[in-house]
Amino acid sequence: MLMPNRGWHLYLIFILYRVLLFFLCVPGLDESDLARRREVFGSNVIPPKPPKSFLQLVWEALQDITLIILIIAAIISLGLSFYKPAESKEDVNVGGMAMQFINVFCIFCHKH
């Protein structure tokens, strides 16, 4: 048995606590008492919250300041890419499209 090092009065309280636990152990509820209580008070269950829709989750993700800054930077980058025409027809603005893809990915993968 562990004995506290704080003084004899704490040790006495600890011993009284152990004695009371030993002699006053009350058994739990039996099935008939449990059924009666369930009829009187109802079931002890918290109903689950309704899940958020996909659009609500997207809207909450769009409220993040970091994501707002990234979207603005992507729009600016995409706009500036069209300011100077490409050298050849095969040259495509991969950076702007990649930034938009990253933004969309962050919106859909954002968790609260």
Protein backbone atom coordinates (compact mmCIF):
# COMPACT_ATOMS: atom_id res chain seq x y z
CA MET A 1 0.00 0.00 0.00
CA LEU A 2 1.36 3.43 -0.93
CA MET A 3 1.69 5.91 1.88
CA PRO A 4 1.65 9.67 1.18
CA ASN A 5 4.69 11.64 2.37
CA ARG A 6 2.74 14.76 3.36
CA GLY A 7 1.92 13.92 6.98
CA TRP A 8 0.10 11.59 9.29
CA HIS A 9 -3.31 13.24 8.75
CA LEU A 10 -3.19 12.51 5.03
CA TYR A 11 -2.23 8.94 5.78
CA LEU A 12 -5.21 8.66 8.15
CA ILE A 13 -7.54 10.04 5.48
CA PHE A 14 -6.11 7.57 2.98
CA ILE A 15 -6.71 4.63 5.37
CA LEU A 16 -10.28 5.78 6.12
CA TYR A 17 -10.95 6.09 2.41
CA ARG A 18 -9.74 2.52 1.82
CA VAL A 19 -11.86 1.19 4.72
CA LEU A 20 -14.97 2.98 3.46
CA LEU A 21 -14.39 1.65 -0.03
CA PHE A 22 -14.08 -1.87 1.32
CA PHE A 23 -17.17 -1.84 3.57
CA LEU A 24 -19.50 0.45 1.64
CA CYS A 25 -19.11 -0.98 -1.85
CA VAL A 26 -22.54 -0.80 -3.42
CA PRO A 27 -23.24 -3.15 -6.30
CA GLY A 28 -24.33 -1.62 -9.59
CA LEU A 29 -27.81 -1.54 -11.02
CA ASP A 30 -29.50 -4.80 -11.88
CA GLU A 31 -31.44 -5.33 -15.13
CA SER A 32 -34.91 -4.65 -13.67
CA ASP A 33 -33.80 -1.38 -12.07
CA LEU A 34 -32.06 -0.38 -15.28
CA ALA A 35 -35.19 -1.09 -17.35
CA ARG A 36 -37.35 0.89 -14.91
CA ARG A 37 -34.99 3.86 -15.01
CA ARG A 38 -34.88 3.73 -18.80
CA GLU A 39 -38.70 3.87 -18.91
CA VAL A 40 -38.87 6.76 -16.44
CA PHE A 41 -35.96 8.90 -17.61
CA GLY A 42 -35.47 7.71 -21.18
CA SER A 43 -32.31 6.58 -22.89
CA ASN A 44 -29.07 8.31 -21.94
CA VAL A 45 -27.90 9.00 -25.48
CA ILE A 46 -26.77 12.24 -27.07
CA PRO A 47 -28.13 12.46 -30.62
CA PRO A 48 -25.39 12.94 -33.22
CA LYS A 49 -25.06 16.29 -34.97
CA PRO A 50 -26.20 16.31 -38.57
CA PRO A 51 -23.23 16.18 -40.95
CA LYS A 52 -22.26 19.29 -42.88
CA SER A 53 -22.88 19.36 -46.60
CA PHE A 54 -20.03 19.45 -49.08
CA LEU A 55 -20.71 23.09 -49.96
CA GLN A 56 -20.66 24.09 -46.28
CA LEU A 57 -17.26 22.43 -45.89
CA VAL A 58 -15.96 24.21 -49.00
CA TRP A 59 -17.27 27.56 -47.70
CA GLU A 60 -15.57 27.04 -44.33
CA ALA A 61 -12.33 26.12 -46.07
CA LEU A 62 -12.53 29.30 -48.14
CA GLN A 63 -12.62 31.39 -44.94
CA ASP A 64 -8.99 30.51 -44.17
CA ILE A 65 -6.74 33.56 -44.64
CA THR A 66 -3.85 31.50 -46.02
CA LEU A 67 -6.08 30.03 -48.70
CA ILE A 68 -7.42 33.47 -49.59
CA ILE A 69 -3.87 34.75 -50.07
CA LEU A 70 -2.99 31.75 -52.23
CA ILE A 71 -6.08 32.23 -54.41
CA ILE A 72 -5.28 35.92 -54.90
CA ALA A 73 -1.67 35.07 -55.78
CA ALA A 74 -2.85 32.42 -58.26
CA ILE A 75 -5.26 34.85 -59.93
CA ILE A 76 -2.52 37.47 -60.21
CA SER A 77 -0.08 34.90 -61.56
CA LEU A 78 -2.60 33.64 -64.10
CA GLY A 79 -3.47 37.19 -65.16
CA LEU A 80 0.18 38.15 -65.61
CA SER A 81 0.84 35.04 -67.65
CA PHE A 82 -1.58 36.27 -70.33
CA TYR A 83 -0.06 39.76 -70.38
CA LYS A 84 2.98 38.59 -72.37
CA PRO A 85 2.00 36.30 -75.24
CA ALA A 86 3.70 32.92 -75.50
CA GLU A 87 6.62 32.45 -77.88
CA SER A 88 5.13 29.42 -79.59
CA LYS A 89 1.83 27.60 -79.60
CA GLU A 90 3.25 24.70 -77.58
CA ASP A 91 4.26 27.02 -74.72
CA VAL A 92 1.61 26.78 -72.02
CA ASN A 93 1.43 28.51 -68.64
CA VAL A 94 1.98 25.49 -66.42
CA GLY A 95 2.71 27.57 -63.29
CA GLY A 96 -0.67 29.32 -63.21
CA MET A 97 -2.56 26.10 -63.84
CA ALA A 98 -0.52 24.31 -61.18
CA MET A 99 -1.32 27.06 -58.67
CA GLN A 100 -5.04 26.76 -59.41
CA PHE A 101 -4.86 22.99 -59.06
CA ILE A 102 -3.11 23.36 -55.68
CA ASN A 103 -5.78 25.80 -54.50
CA VAL A 104 -8.60 23.47 -55.50
CA PHE A 105 -6.77 20.56 -53.84
CA CYS A 106 -6.33 22.57 -50.61
CA ILE A 107 -10.03 23.52 -50.56
CA PHE A 108 -11.18 19.93 -50.90
CA CYS A 109 -8.65 18.49 -48.43
CA HIS A 110 -8.99 21.15 -45.73
CA LYS A 111 -10.15 19.78 -42.34
CA HIS A 112 -11.37 21.60 -39.24
